[in-house]
Amino acid sequence: MMNQKRITIKDTLLDESGHLKHPGYATSLVLEYHRNQVKAHKSRIKEWDYYFFGNDQFGFGITFADISYLGLIQIVILDFANKKRFDFKKIIPFTFGKLNLPTDSQKGDIDYQDKKIDFEVKLIDKARHIKIKIKHFNKDKDFAFDAKVNLQNEDSLVIMTPYAEDKKAFYYNQKINNLVSFGRASFGSQTISLDHMQGVLDWGRGVWTRDNTWYWSSLSTTLDDGSLFGFNLGYGFGDTSAASENMAFYKGKSYKLNDVDFGLPKDNFTDPWHFTSKDGAINLTFTPIYDNFNETNVILIRQNSHQVFGYFSGTMKLDSDTTVTLERGFGFAEKVRNVW
């Protein structure tokens, strides 16, 4: 059993030296993040909101990010049935916080417009309204995404991760699983229903070291009995001695998990993966259907990313009385290396 330090006090995230005050995990954003308290060079601050909504037919990846020396608005449409990817990317140079991403996932809106893009995320009680319009997303095809997104779980995974090699580096991250959308998307003449699609918000704020590799897996689904179930699993960077970022969500409540190993295949990312843990709580087979591969190498940034979508089957023991059995639950798992 690894150490799992839960943080429950209200405090600021960083001290006067820009060091992380409370390494560990929480189930909500109990610590206040303020960009002006960061003591690392301003070019190293990285902030993003990433949403994924999908099922085994279509997936939508939505990124709004300010990584200081550039801003990024990216929409990825994945057509799993036809093994196709459509990608729109807007790069805004030298933003250094000018995109004004909110300092709290439950407070503040995102509102960006230019001649080609309308991008809005507005918070309404326990819901948020995401509206995106992009002219000529793909050649002559326009894109629109209009969805009300409902928050279902009482808890989320929040992790405060320091770096042993750099005291001014940290990652403050929240994963909100089992978001349920209602609305529609259009791409050219095609209309796609977003009703009852489930998804996740990856809310990240931090200062990273230059070269990192992470492993992340996320699932948000409905079980046969109608209960919502989700998980966040991951490892690979920073000093995680205070807590892992592994957590399951069942009927709205969180269950902390210990270690995990993704059991990646040796030869091909689309071969089966085998998720296990040393304590036996996790025993899942992941059967891929699509590898959303991306490789970037431009001046300051290099990325090699395999975001793999597919089905999870097996068991996850949440506590001594609760074990969840999955049969073809749809989700994703990824291995990403960033040099940035």
C-alpha atoms as a PDB file:
ATOM      1  CA  MET A   1       0.000   0.000   0.000  1.00  0.00           C
ATOM      2  CA  MET A   2       1.555   3.274  -1.079  1.00  0.00           C
ATOM      3  CA  ASN A   3       1.220   6.527   0.820  1.00  0.00           C
ATOM      4  CA  GLN A   4      -1.910   8.488  -0.062  1.00  0.00           C
ATOM      5  CA  LYS A   5      -1.910  11.955   1.502  1.00  0.00           C
ATOM      6  CA  ARG A   6      -5.318  13.562   1.187  1.00  0.00           C
ATOM      7  CA  ILE A   7      -5.427  17.367   1.374  1.00  0.00           C
ATOM      8  CA  THR A   8      -8.616  18.837   2.843  1.00  0.00           C
ATOM      9  CA  ILE A   9      -7.558  22.261   4.135  1.00  0.00           C
ATOM     10  CA  LYS A  10      -8.262  25.473   2.242  1.00  0.00           C
ATOM     11  CA  ASP A  11      -5.041  27.261   1.324  1.00  0.00           C
ATOM     12  CA  THR A  12      -3.079  28.775  -1.525  1.00  0.00           C
ATOM     13  CA  LEU A  13      -1.305  26.312  -3.800  1.00  0.00           C
ATOM     14  CA  LEU A  14       2.158  27.929  -3.632  1.00  0.00           C
ATOM     15  CA  ASP A  15       4.238  29.506  -0.889  1.00  0.00           C
ATOM     16  CA  GLU A  16       6.164  32.785  -1.140  1.00  0.00           C
ATOM     17  CA  SER A  17       9.057  31.004  -2.887  1.00  0.00           C
ATOM     18  CA  GLY A  18       6.746  29.518  -5.513  1.00  0.00           C
ATOM     19  CA  HIS A  19       7.032  26.009  -4.045  1.00  0.00           C
ATOM     20  CA  LEU A  20       4.095  23.629  -3.819  1.00  0.00           C
ATOM     21  CA  LYS A  21       2.752  23.768  -0.249  1.00  0.00           C
ATOM     22  CA  HIS A  22       0.774  20.540  -0.026  1.00  0.00           C
ATOM     23  CA  PRO A  23       1.781  17.606  -2.255  1.00  0.00           C
ATOM     24  CA  GLY A  24      -0.947  14.995  -2.320  1.00  0.00           C
ATOM     25  CA  TYR A  25      -4.463  14.531  -3.642  1.00  0.00           C
ATOM     26  CA  ALA A  26      -7.947  15.911  -3.052  1.00  0.00           C
ATOM     27  CA  THR A  27     -11.454  15.405  -4.403  1.00  0.00           C
ATOM     28  CA  SER A  28     -12.009  19.097  -5.216  1.00  0.00           C
ATOM     29  CA  LEU A  29      -9.904  22.203  -5.868  1.00  0.00           C
ATOM     30  CA  VAL A  30      -9.250  23.011  -2.220  1.00  0.00           C
ATOM     31  CA  LEU A  31      -6.071  24.968  -3.013  1.00  0.00           C
ATOM     32  CA  GLU A  32      -6.143  28.323  -4.795  1.00  0.00           C
ATOM     33  CA  TYR A  33      -4.021  28.682  -7.919  1.00  0.00           C
ATOM     34  CA  HIS A  34      -2.794  32.154  -8.845  1.00  0.00           C
ATOM     35  CA  ARG A  35      -0.539  32.649 -11.852  1.00  0.00           C
ATOM     36  CA  ASN A  36       1.131  35.673 -10.241  1.00  0.00           C
ATOM     37  CA  GLN A  37       2.433  33.493  -7.385  1.00  0.00           C
ATOM     38  CA  VAL A  38       4.523  31.374  -9.766  1.00  0.00           C
ATOM     39  CA  LYS A  39       8.244  32.088  -9.333  1.00  0.00           C
ATOM     40  CA  ALA A  40       9.543  30.147 -12.329  1.00  0.00           C
ATOM     41  CA  HIS A  41      10.238  31.984 -15.590  1.00  0.00           C
ATOM     42  CA  LYS A  42       6.982  33.066 -17.217  1.00  0.00           C
ATOM     43  CA  SER A  43       7.751  31.053 -20.369  1.00  0.00           C
ATOM     44  CA  ARG A  44       7.442  27.813 -18.391  1.00  0.00           C
ATOM     45  CA  ILE A  45       3.875  28.286 -17.129  1.00  0.00           C
ATOM     46  CA  LYS A  46       1.410  25.923 -18.810  1.00  0.00           C
ATOM     47  CA  GLU A  47      -2.362  26.130 -18.445  1.00  0.00           C
ATOM     48  CA  TRP A  48      -5.038  24.167 -20.279  1.00  0.00           C
ATOM     49  CA  ASP A  49      -8.605  22.913 -20.355  1.00  0.00           C
ATOM     50  CA  TYR A  50      -9.006  19.704 -22.361  1.00  0.00           C
ATOM     51  CA  TYR A  51     -12.356  18.020 -22.907  1.00  0.00           C
ATOM     52  CA  PHE A  52     -13.072  14.691 -24.493  1.00  0.00           C
ATOM     53  CA  PHE A  53     -16.593  13.541 -25.296  1.00  0.00           C
ATOM     54  CA  GLY A  54     -17.330  10.387 -27.197  1.00  0.00           C
ATOM     55  CA  ASN A  55     -18.534   6.854 -27.722  1.00  0.00           C
ATOM     56  CA  ASP A  56     -17.329   4.045 -29.960  1.00  0.00           C
ATOM     57  CA  GLN A  57     -18.688   5.840 -33.039  1.00  0.00           C
ATOM     58  CA  PHE A  58     -17.371   9.396 -32.658  1.00  0.00           C
ATOM     59  CA  GLY A  59     -15.028  11.294 -30.374  1.00  0.00           C
ATOM     60  CA  PHE A  60     -14.397  15.018 -29.889  1.00  0.00           C
ATOM     61  CA  GLY A  61     -11.198  16.351 -28.345  1.00  0.00           C
ATOM     62  CA  ILE A  62     -11.350  20.058 -27.397  1.00  0.00           C
ATOM     63  CA  THR A  63      -8.250  21.938 -26.230  1.00  0.00           C
ATOM     64  CA  PHE A  64      -7.954  25.532 -25.064  1.00  0.00           C
ATOM     65  CA  ALA A  65      -4.421  26.115 -23.794  1.00  0.00           C
ATOM     66  CA  ASP A  66      -1.958  28.852 -22.910  1.00  0.00           C
ATOM     67  CA  ILE A  67       1.547  27.450 -22.562  1.00  0.00           C
ATOM     68  CA  SER A  68       3.049  30.944 -22.424  1.00  0.00           C
ATOM     69  CA  TYR A  69       5.163  31.099 -25.554  1.00  0.00           C
ATOM     70  CA  LEU A  70       2.073  30.112 -27.515  1.00  0.00           C
ATOM     71  CA  GLY A  71      -1.663  29.606 -27.159  1.00  0.00           C
ATOM     72  CA  LEU A  72      -3.456  26.660 -28.723  1.00  0.00           C
ATOM     73  CA  ILE A  73      -7.043  26.085 -29.757  1.00  0.00           C
ATOM     74  CA  GLN A  74      -7.461  22.596 -31.152  1.00  0.00           C
ATOM     75  CA  ILE A  75     -10.480  20.525 -32.131  1.00  0.00           C
ATOM     76  CA  VAL A  76     -10.043  16.888 -33.106  1.00  0.00           C
ATOM     77  CA  ILE A  77     -12.927  14.878 -34.585  1.00  0.00           C
ATOM     78  CA  LEU A  78     -12.444  11.123 -34.511  1.00  0.00           C
ATOM     79  CA  ASP A  79     -14.634   8.928 -36.720  1.00  0.00           C
ATOM     80  CA  PHE A  80     -13.906   5.537 -35.216  1.00  0.00           C
ATOM     81  CA  ALA A  81     -16.172   3.573 -37.573  1.00  0.00           C
ATOM     82  CA  ASN A  82     -14.269   4.808 -40.633  1.00  0.00           C
ATOM     83  CA  LYS A  83     -10.867   5.178 -38.896  1.00  0.00           C
ATOM     84  CA  LYS A  84     -10.640   8.869 -39.804  1.00  0.00           C
ATOM     85  CA  ARG A  85      -9.307  11.915 -37.948  1.00  0.00           C
ATOM     86  CA  PHE A  86     -10.084  15.560 -38.707  1.00  0.00           C
ATOM     87  CA  ASP A  87      -7.976  18.175 -36.941  1.00  0.00           C
ATOM     88  CA  PHE A  88      -8.165  21.944 -36.640  1.00  0.00           C
ATOM     89  CA  LYS A  89      -5.404  23.844 -34.888  1.00  0.00           C
ATOM     90  CA  LYS A  90      -5.022  27.557 -34.180  1.00  0.00           C
ATOM     91  CA  ILE A  91      -1.677  28.679 -32.756  1.00  0.00           C
ATOM     92  CA  ILE A  92      -1.421  32.121 -31.152  1.00  0.00           C
ATOM     93  CA  PRO A  93       2.189  33.215 -30.533  1.00  0.00           C
ATOM     94  CA  PHE A  94       3.535  34.646 -27.272  1.00  0.00           C
ATOM     95  CA  THR A  95       0.355  34.623 -25.193  1.00  0.00           C
ATOM     96  CA  PHE A  96       2.009  34.528 -21.712  1.00  0.00           C
ATOM     97  CA  GLY A  97      -1.332  34.313 -19.899  1.00  0.00           C
ATOM     98  CA  LYS A  98      -3.241  36.712 -22.163  1.00  0.00           C
ATOM     99  CA  LEU A  99      -5.866  34.042 -22.913  1.00  0.00           C
ATOM    100  CA  ASN A 100      -7.012  34.450 -19.295  1.00  0.00           C
ATOM    101  CA  LEU A 101      -7.841  30.863 -18.492  1.00  0.00           C
ATOM    102  CA  PRO A 102      -9.841  30.662 -15.252  1.00  0.00           C
ATOM    103  CA  THR A 103      -7.959  29.925 -12.042  1.00  0.00           C
ATOM    104  CA  ASP A 104     -10.725  27.546 -10.901  1.00  0.00           C
ATOM    105  CA  SER A 105     -12.628  24.944 -12.929  1.00  0.00           C
ATOM    106  CA  GLN A 106     -15.901  25.956 -11.247  1.00  0.00           C
ATOM    107  CA  LYS A 107     -15.528  29.711 -11.682  1.00  0.00           C
ATOM    108  CA  GLY A 108     -14.956  31.861 -14.750  1.00  0.00           C
ATOM    109  CA  ASP A 109     -15.799  31.492 -18.425  1.00  0.00           C
ATOM    110  CA  ILE A 110     -13.733  31.141 -21.575  1.00  0.00           C
ATOM    111  CA  ASP A 111     -14.613  33.489 -24.414  1.00  0.00           C
ATOM    112  CA  TYR A 112     -12.477  33.787 -27.559  1.00  0.00           C
ATOM    113  CA  GLN A 113     -13.353  35.121 -30.994  1.00  0.00           C
ATOM    114  CA  ASP A 114     -11.495  35.923 -34.170  1.00  0.00           C
ATOM    115  CA  LYS A 115     -12.456  36.002 -37.857  1.00  0.00           C
ATOM    116  CA  LYS A 116     -12.549  32.209 -38.042  1.00  0.00           C
ATOM    117  CA  ILE A 117     -13.302  30.989 -34.515  1.00  0.00           C
ATOM    118  CA  ASP A 118     -16.009  31.466 -31.891  1.00  0.00           C
ATOM    119  CA  PHE A 119     -15.111  29.539 -28.729  1.00  0.00           C
ATOM    120  CA  GLU A 120     -17.178  29.811 -25.543  1.00  0.00           C
ATOM    121  CA  VAL A 121     -17.421  27.861 -22.319  1.00  0.00           C
ATOM    122  CA  LYS A 122     -19.939  29.346 -19.902  1.00  0.00           C
ATOM    123  CA  LEU A 123     -20.567  27.940 -16.421  1.00  0.00           C
ATOM    124  CA  ILE A 124     -24.182  27.578 -15.285  1.00  0.00           C
ATOM    125  CA  ASP A 125     -24.597  26.106 -11.770  1.00  0.00           C
ATOM    126  CA  LYS A 126     -23.449  22.472 -12.043  1.00  0.00           C
ATOM    127  CA  ALA A 127     -23.467  22.588 -15.828  1.00  0.00           C
ATOM    128  CA  ARG A 128     -21.445  24.279 -18.523  1.00  0.00           C
ATOM    129  CA  HIS A 129     -22.409  25.337 -22.026  1.00  0.00           C
ATOM    130  CA  ILE A 130     -19.786  24.710 -24.691  1.00  0.00           C
ATOM    131  CA  LYS A 131     -20.317  26.494 -28.022  1.00  0.00           C
ATOM    132  CA  ILE A 132     -17.750  26.376 -30.799  1.00  0.00           C
ATOM    133  CA  LYS A 133     -17.970  27.545 -34.394  1.00  0.00           C
ATOM    134  CA  ILE A 134     -15.091  27.259 -36.854  1.00  0.00           C
ATOM    135  CA  LYS A 135     -15.248  28.393 -40.454  1.00  0.00           C
ATOM    136  CA  HIS A 136     -13.494  26.160 -42.989  1.00  0.00           C
ATOM    137  CA  PHE A 137     -12.485  23.620 -40.377  1.00  0.00           C
ATOM    138  CA  ASN A 138     -11.537  21.178 -43.131  1.00  0.00           C
ATOM    139  CA  LYS A 139     -11.319  22.708 -46.590  1.00  0.00           C
ATOM    140  CA  ASP A 140     -14.839  24.054 -47.228  1.00  0.00           C
ATOM    141  CA  LYS A 141     -16.446  22.231 -44.290  1.00  0.00           C
ATOM    142  CA  ASP A 142     -17.516  24.346 -41.332  1.00  0.00           C
ATOM    143  CA  PHE A 143     -17.726  22.944 -37.807  1.00  0.00           C
ATOM    144  CA  ALA A 144     -20.113  23.657 -34.944  1.00  0.00           C
ATOM    145  CA  PHE A 145     -20.350  22.149 -31.474  1.00  0.00           C
ATOM    146  CA  ASP A 146     -23.173  23.133 -29.133  1.00  0.00           C
ATOM    147  CA  ALA A 147     -23.642  21.140 -25.946  1.00  0.00           C
ATOM    148  CA  LYS A 148     -24.887  21.538 -22.420  1.00  0.00           C
ATOM    149  CA  VAL A 149     -22.587  19.500 -20.207  1.00  0.00           C
ATOM    150  CA  ASN A 150     -23.882  18.254 -16.859  1.00  0.00           C
ATOM    151  CA  LEU A 151     -21.695  17.510 -13.859  1.00  0.00           C
ATOM    152  CA  GLN A 152     -22.758  14.173 -12.360  1.00  0.00           C
ATOM    153  CA  ASN A 153     -20.168  13.150  -9.772  1.00  0.00           C
ATOM    154  CA  GLU A 154     -19.822  14.717  -6.337  1.00  0.00           C
ATOM    155  CA  ASP A 155     -16.068  14.072  -6.424  1.00  0.00           C
ATOM    156  CA  SER A 156     -13.209  14.537  -8.871  1.00  0.00           C
ATOM    157  CA  LEU A 157      -9.544  13.602  -8.925  1.00  0.00           C
ATOM    158  CA  VAL A 158      -7.270  16.486  -7.922  1.00  0.00           C
ATOM    159  CA  ILE A 159      -3.512  15.948  -7.693  1.00  0.00           C
ATOM    160  CA  MET A 160      -0.752  18.279  -6.516  1.00  0.00           C
ATOM    161  CA  THR A 161       2.493  16.941  -7.944  1.00  0.00           C
ATOM    162  CA  PRO A 162       5.932  18.465  -7.221  1.00  0.00           C
ATOM    163  CA  TYR A 163       9.218  17.788  -9.032  1.00  0.00           C
ATOM    164  CA  ALA A 164      12.169  16.676  -6.939  1.00  0.00           C
ATOM    165  CA  GLU A 165      14.664  18.191  -9.390  1.00  0.00           C
ATOM    166  CA  ASP A 166      13.043  21.656  -9.477  1.00  0.00           C
ATOM    167  CA  LYS A 167      11.194  23.081  -6.462  1.00  0.00           C
ATOM    168  CA  LYS A 168       9.536  25.767  -8.608  1.00  0.00           C
ATOM    169  CA  ALA A 169       8.002  23.166 -10.924  1.00  0.00           C
ATOM    170  CA  PHE A 170       4.614  21.634 -10.100  1.00  0.00           C
ATOM    171  CA  TYR A 171       1.462  20.268 -11.663  1.00  0.00           C
ATOM    172  CA  TYR A 172      -1.993  21.096 -10.298  1.00  0.00           C
ATOM    173  CA  ASN A 173      -4.518  18.917 -12.090  1.00  0.00           C
ATOM    174  CA  GLN A 174      -8.184  18.080 -11.864  1.00  0.00           C
ATOM    175  CA  LYS A 175      -9.929  15.312 -13.800  1.00  0.00           C
ATOM    176  CA  ILE A 176     -13.741  15.496 -13.797  1.00  0.00           C
ATOM    177  CA  ASN A 177     -15.190  12.222 -15.094  1.00  0.00           C
ATOM    178  CA  ASN A 178     -18.712  11.238 -16.144  1.00  0.00           C
ATOM    179  CA  LEU A 179     -19.597  14.585 -17.683  1.00  0.00           C
ATOM    180  CA  VAL A 180     -22.787  14.009 -19.696  1.00  0.00           C
ATOM    181  CA  SER A 181     -23.529  16.108 -22.767  1.00  0.00           C
ATOM    182  CA  PHE A 182     -26.732  17.074 -24.560  1.00  0.00           C
ATOM    183  CA  GLY A 183     -26.631  18.834 -27.908  1.00  0.00           C
ATOM    184  CA  ARG A 184     -25.245  18.320 -31.354  1.00  0.00           C
ATOM    185  CA  ALA A 185     -22.216  18.837 -33.534  1.00  0.00           C
ATOM    186  CA  SER A 186     -22.129  19.507 -37.249  1.00  0.00           C
ATOM    187  CA  PHE A 187     -19.288  18.990 -39.679  1.00  0.00           C
ATOM    188  CA  GLY A 188     -20.068  20.082 -43.191  1.00  0.00           C
ATOM    189  CA  SER A 189     -23.418  18.469 -44.049  1.00  0.00           C
ATOM    190  CA  GLN A 190     -23.098  15.823 -41.308  1.00  0.00           C
ATOM    191  CA  THR A 191     -24.883  16.224 -37.966  1.00  0.00           C
ATOM    192  CA  ILE A 192     -23.846  14.171 -34.937  1.00  0.00           C
ATOM    193  CA  SER A 193     -25.949  13.876 -31.794  1.00  0.00           C
ATOM    194  CA  LEU A 194     -24.099  14.618 -28.566  1.00  0.00           C
ATOM    195  CA  ASP A 195     -27.000  13.452 -26.384  1.00  0.00           C
ATOM    196  CA  HIS A 196     -25.888  11.199 -23.508  1.00  0.00           C
ATOM    197  CA  MET A 197     -22.262  11.222 -24.614  1.00  0.00           C
ATOM    198  CA  GLN A 198     -19.973  10.979 -21.623  1.00  0.00           C
ATOM    199  CA  GLY A 199     -16.651  12.692 -21.220  1.00  0.00           C
ATOM    200  CA  VAL A 200     -13.924  14.104 -19.056  1.00  0.00           C
ATOM    201  CA  LEU A 201     -12.439  17.509 -18.306  1.00  0.00           C
ATOM    202  CA  ASP A 202      -8.657  17.582 -17.859  1.00  0.00           C
ATOM    203  CA  TRP A 203      -7.989  20.890 -16.078  1.00  0.00           C
ATOM    204  CA  GLY A 204      -4.255  21.538 -15.756  1.00  0.00           C
ATOM    205  CA  ARG A 205      -2.182  24.404 -14.363  1.00  0.00           C
ATOM    206  CA  GLY A 206       1.510  24.246 -13.655  1.00  0.00           C
ATOM    207  CA  VAL A 207       5.191  24.629 -14.374  1.00  0.00           C
ATOM    208  CA  TRP A 208       6.758  21.623 -16.059  1.00  0.00           C
ATOM    209  CA  THR A 209      10.314  20.477 -16.480  1.00  0.00           C
ATOM    210  CA  ARG A 210      11.568  20.328 -20.046  1.00  0.00           C
ATOM    211  CA  ASP A 211      11.214  16.626 -20.931  1.00  0.00           C
ATOM    212  CA  ASN A 212       8.350  14.499 -19.593  1.00  0.00           C
ATOM    213  CA  THR A 213       6.528  11.283 -20.419  1.00  0.00           C
ATOM    214  CA  TRP A 214       3.091  10.564 -19.039  1.00  0.00           C
ATOM    215  CA  TYR A 215       0.700   7.636 -19.109  1.00  0.00           C
ATOM    216  CA  TRP A 216      -2.982   8.515 -18.756  1.00  0.00           C
ATOM    217  CA  SER A 217      -6.177   6.504 -19.025  1.00  0.00           C
ATOM    218  CA  SER A 218      -9.752   7.679 -18.630  1.00  0.00           C
ATOM    219  CA  LEU A 219     -13.136   6.008 -18.759  1.00  0.00           C
ATOM    220  CA  SER A 220     -16.642   7.398 -18.215  1.00  0.00           C
ATOM    221  CA  THR A 221     -19.505   4.984 -18.803  1.00  0.00           C
ATOM    222  CA  THR A 222     -22.879   3.681 -17.670  1.00  0.00           C
ATOM    223  CA  LEU A 223     -23.009   0.169 -16.219  1.00  0.00           C
ATOM    224  CA  ASP A 224     -25.741  -2.358 -16.998  1.00  0.00           C
ATOM    225  CA  ASP A 225     -27.654  -1.381 -13.849  1.00  0.00           C
ATOM    226  CA  GLY A 226     -27.723   2.275 -14.932  1.00  0.00           C
ATOM    227  CA  SER A 227     -25.030   3.431 -12.491  1.00  0.00           C
ATOM    228  CA  LEU A 228     -22.329   5.814 -13.661  1.00  0.00           C
ATOM    229  CA  PHE A 229     -18.775   4.522 -13.404  1.00  0.00           C
ATOM    230  CA  GLY A 230     -15.501   6.169 -14.328  1.00  0.00           C
ATOM    231  CA  PHE A 231     -11.822   6.139 -13.566  1.00  0.00           C
ATOM    232  CA  ASN A 232      -8.652   8.169 -13.912  1.00  0.00           C
ATOM    233  CA  LEU A 233      -5.401   6.216 -14.034  1.00  0.00           C
ATOM    234  CA  GLY A 234      -1.914   7.565 -14.655  1.00  0.00           C
ATOM    235  CA  TYR A 235       1.761   7.843 -13.812  1.00  0.00           C
ATOM    236  CA  GLY A 236       5.102   8.746 -15.311  1.00  0.00           C
ATOM    237  CA  PHE A 237       6.242  12.205 -14.206  1.00  0.00           C
ATOM    238  CA  GLY A 238       7.010  14.217 -11.088  1.00  0.00           C
ATOM    239  CA  ASP A 239       7.361  13.123  -7.479  1.00  0.00           C
ATOM    240  CA  THR A 240       4.261  11.048  -6.688  1.00  0.00           C
ATOM    241  CA  SER A 241       5.467   9.825  -3.282  1.00  0.00           C
ATOM    242  CA  ALA A 242       2.625  11.720  -1.532  1.00  0.00           C
ATOM    243  CA  ALA A 243      -0.161  10.237  -3.672  1.00  0.00           C
ATOM    244  CA  SER A 244      -0.970   8.520  -6.941  1.00  0.00           C
ATOM    245  CA  GLU A 245      -3.386  10.035  -9.457  1.00  0.00           C
ATOM    246  CA  ASN A 246      -5.445   6.835  -9.592  1.00  0.00           C
ATOM    247  CA  MET A 247      -9.105   7.117  -8.651  1.00  0.00           C
ATOM    248  CA  ALA A 248     -12.416   5.477  -9.551  1.00  0.00           C
ATOM    249  CA  PHE A 249     -15.882   7.032  -9.462  1.00  0.00           C
ATOM    250  CA  TYR A 250     -18.956   4.922  -8.746  1.00  0.00           C
ATOM    251  CA  LYS A 251     -22.446   6.316  -8.214  1.00  0.00           C
ATOM    252  CA  GLY A 252     -20.915   9.803  -7.867  1.00  0.00           C
ATOM    253  CA  LYS A 253     -18.451   8.915  -5.116  1.00  0.00           C
ATOM    254  CA  SER A 254     -14.669   8.623  -5.377  1.00  0.00           C
ATOM    255  CA  TYR A 255     -12.550   5.614  -4.438  1.00  0.00           C
ATOM    256  CA  LYS A 256      -8.789   6.113  -4.129  1.00  0.00           C
ATOM    257  CA  LEU A 257      -6.603   3.551  -5.869  1.00  0.00           C
ATOM    258  CA  ASN A 258      -2.933   2.798  -5.361  1.00  0.00           C
ATOM    259  CA  ASP A 259      -0.469   1.914  -8.126  1.00  0.00           C
ATOM    260  CA  VAL A 260      -1.229   0.884 -11.686  1.00  0.00           C
ATOM    261  CA  ASP A 261       0.762  -0.536 -14.580  1.00  0.00           C
ATOM    262  CA  PHE A 262      -0.691  -0.156 -18.065  1.00  0.00           C
ATOM    263  CA  GLY A 263       0.942  -3.306 -19.437  1.00  0.00           C
ATOM    264  CA  LEU A 264       1.610  -1.770 -22.838  1.00  0.00           C
ATOM    265  CA  PRO A 265       2.193  -4.214 -25.696  1.00  0.00           C
ATOM    266  CA  LYS A 266       5.782  -4.448 -26.907  1.00  0.00           C
ATOM    267  CA  ASP A 267       5.245  -4.173 -30.645  1.00  0.00           C
ATOM    268  CA  ASN A 268       2.037  -2.346 -31.498  1.00  0.00           C
ATOM    269  CA  PHE A 269      -0.122   0.119 -29.560  1.00  0.00           C
ATOM    270  CA  THR A 270      -3.257  -1.460 -31.043  1.00  0.00           C
ATOM    271  CA  ASP A 271      -2.515  -4.866 -29.492  1.00  0.00           C
ATOM    272  CA  PRO A 272      -4.273  -5.545 -26.140  1.00  0.00           C
ATOM    273  CA  TRP A 273      -3.014  -3.778 -23.004  1.00  0.00           C
ATOM    274  CA  HIS A 274      -3.243  -5.335 -19.539  1.00  0.00           C
ATOM    275  CA  PHE A 275      -3.893  -2.964 -16.621  1.00  0.00           C
ATOM    276  CA  THR A 276      -2.877  -4.360 -13.236  1.00  0.00           C
ATOM    277  CA  SER A 277      -1.947  -3.171  -9.752  1.00  0.00           C
ATOM    278  CA  LYS A 278       0.332  -4.701  -7.136  1.00  0.00           C
ATOM    279  CA  ASP A 279      -2.516  -4.970  -4.623  1.00  0.00           C
ATOM    280  CA  GLY A 280      -4.735  -6.788  -7.131  1.00  0.00           C
ATOM    281  CA  ALA A 281      -7.425  -4.088  -7.168  1.00  0.00           C
ATOM    282  CA  ILE A 282      -7.061  -3.476 -10.930  1.00  0.00           C
ATOM    283  CA  ASN A 283      -7.329  -6.282 -13.467  1.00  0.00           C
ATOM    284  CA  LEU A 284      -8.427  -4.930 -16.831  1.00  0.00           C
ATOM    285  CA  THR A 285      -7.835  -5.836 -20.463  1.00  0.00           C
ATOM    286  CA  PHE A 286      -7.908  -2.910 -22.878  1.00  0.00           C
ATOM    287  CA  THR A 287      -8.724  -3.810 -26.490  1.00  0.00           C
ATOM    288  CA  PRO A 288      -7.911  -0.902 -28.844  1.00  0.00           C
ATOM    289  CA  ILE A 289      -9.950   0.112 -31.869  1.00  0.00           C
ATOM    290  CA  TYR A 290      -8.049   3.266 -32.906  1.00  0.00           C
ATOM    291  CA  ASP A 291      -4.646   4.860 -32.268  1.00  0.00           C
ATOM    292  CA  ASN A 292      -4.879   8.645 -32.456  1.00  0.00           C
ATOM    293  CA  PHE A 293      -1.158   9.102 -33.157  1.00  0.00           C
ATOM    294  CA  ASN A 294       0.464  12.520 -33.334  1.00  0.00           C
ATOM    295  CA  GLU A 295       4.078  13.560 -33.781  1.00  0.00           C
ATOM    296  CA  THR A 296       5.253  17.177 -33.637  1.00  0.00           C
ATOM    297  CA  ASN A 297       8.733  18.640 -33.981  1.00  0.00           C
ATOM    298  CA  VAL A 298       8.774  22.432 -34.289  1.00  0.00           C
ATOM    299  CA  ILE A 299      11.575  24.538 -32.795  1.00  0.00           C
ATOM    300  CA  LEU A 300      10.782  24.583 -29.040  1.00  0.00           C
ATOM    301  CA  ILE A 301       8.267  21.748 -28.993  1.00  0.00           C
ATOM    302  CA  ARG A 302       8.508  18.033 -29.633  1.00  0.00           C
ATOM    303  CA  GLN A 303       5.695  15.594 -28.973  1.00  0.00           C
ATOM    304  CA  ASN A 304       5.157  11.908 -29.598  1.00  0.00           C
ATOM    305  CA  SER A 305       1.631  10.922 -28.625  1.00  0.00           C
ATOM    306  CA  HIS A 306      -0.346   7.690 -28.837  1.00  0.00           C
ATOM    307  CA  GLN A 307      -3.886   8.319 -27.583  1.00  0.00           C
ATOM    308  CA  VAL A 308      -5.517   4.935 -28.021  1.00  0.00           C
ATOM    309  CA  PHE A 309      -9.283   4.345 -27.858  1.00  0.00           C
ATOM    310  CA  GLY A 310     -10.994   1.060 -27.169  1.00  0.00           C
ATOM    311  CA  TYR A 311     -12.829  -1.209 -24.749  1.00  0.00           C
ATOM    312  CA  PHE A 312     -12.024  -2.084 -21.134  1.00  0.00           C
ATOM    313  CA  SER A 313     -13.108  -5.426 -19.714  1.00  0.00           C
ATOM    314  CA  GLY A 314     -12.340  -6.923 -16.315  1.00  0.00           C
ATOM    315  CA  THR A 315     -12.653  -5.957 -12.676  1.00  0.00           C
ATOM    316  CA  MET A 316     -11.770  -3.087 -10.382  1.00  0.00           C
ATOM    317  CA  LYS A 317     -11.984  -3.575  -6.618  1.00  0.00           C
ATOM    318  CA  LEU A 318     -12.930  -0.253  -5.045  1.00  0.00           C
ATOM    319  CA  ASP A 319     -12.984  -1.309  -1.395  1.00  0.00           C
ATOM    320  CA  SER A 320     -13.474  -4.457   0.668  1.00  0.00           C
ATOM    321  CA  ASP A 321     -17.183  -4.565  -0.196  1.00  0.00           C
ATOM    322  CA  THR A 322     -17.317  -3.150  -3.730  1.00  0.00           C
ATOM    323  CA  THR A 323     -15.995  -4.629  -6.974  1.00  0.00           C
ATOM    324  CA  VAL A 324     -17.084  -3.294 -10.365  1.00  0.00           C
ATOM    325  CA  THR A 325     -17.104  -5.564 -13.413  1.00  0.00           C
ATOM    326  CA  LEU A 326     -16.620  -3.924 -16.796  1.00  0.00           C
ATOM    327  CA  GLU A 327     -17.683  -5.449 -20.087  1.00  0.00           C
ATOM    328  CA  ARG A 328     -16.526  -3.454 -23.106  1.00  0.00           C
ATOM    329  CA  GLY A 329     -16.537  -0.104 -21.349  1.00  0.00           C
ATOM    330  CA  PHE A 330     -15.373   2.539 -23.831  1.00  0.00           C
ATOM    331  CA  GLY A 331     -12.430   4.749 -22.905  1.00  0.00           C
ATOM    332  CA  PHE A 332      -8.875   5.641 -23.813  1.00  0.00           C
ATOM    333  CA  ALA A 333      -5.290   5.163 -22.712  1.00  0.00           C
ATOM    334  CA  GLU A 334      -2.271   7.114 -23.853  1.00  0.00           C
ATOM    335  CA  LYS A 335       1.472   7.415 -23.746  1.00  0.00           C
ATOM    336  CA  VAL A 336       2.716  10.943 -24.431  1.00  0.00           C
ATOM    337  CA  ARG A 337       6.234  12.341 -24.459  1.00  0.00           C
ATOM    338  CA  ASN A 338       6.528  16.137 -24.429  1.00  0.00           C
ATOM    339  CA  VAL A 339       9.715  18.142 -24.826  1.00  0.00           C
ATOM    340  CA  TRP A 340       8.537  21.691 -24.189  1.00  0.00           C
END
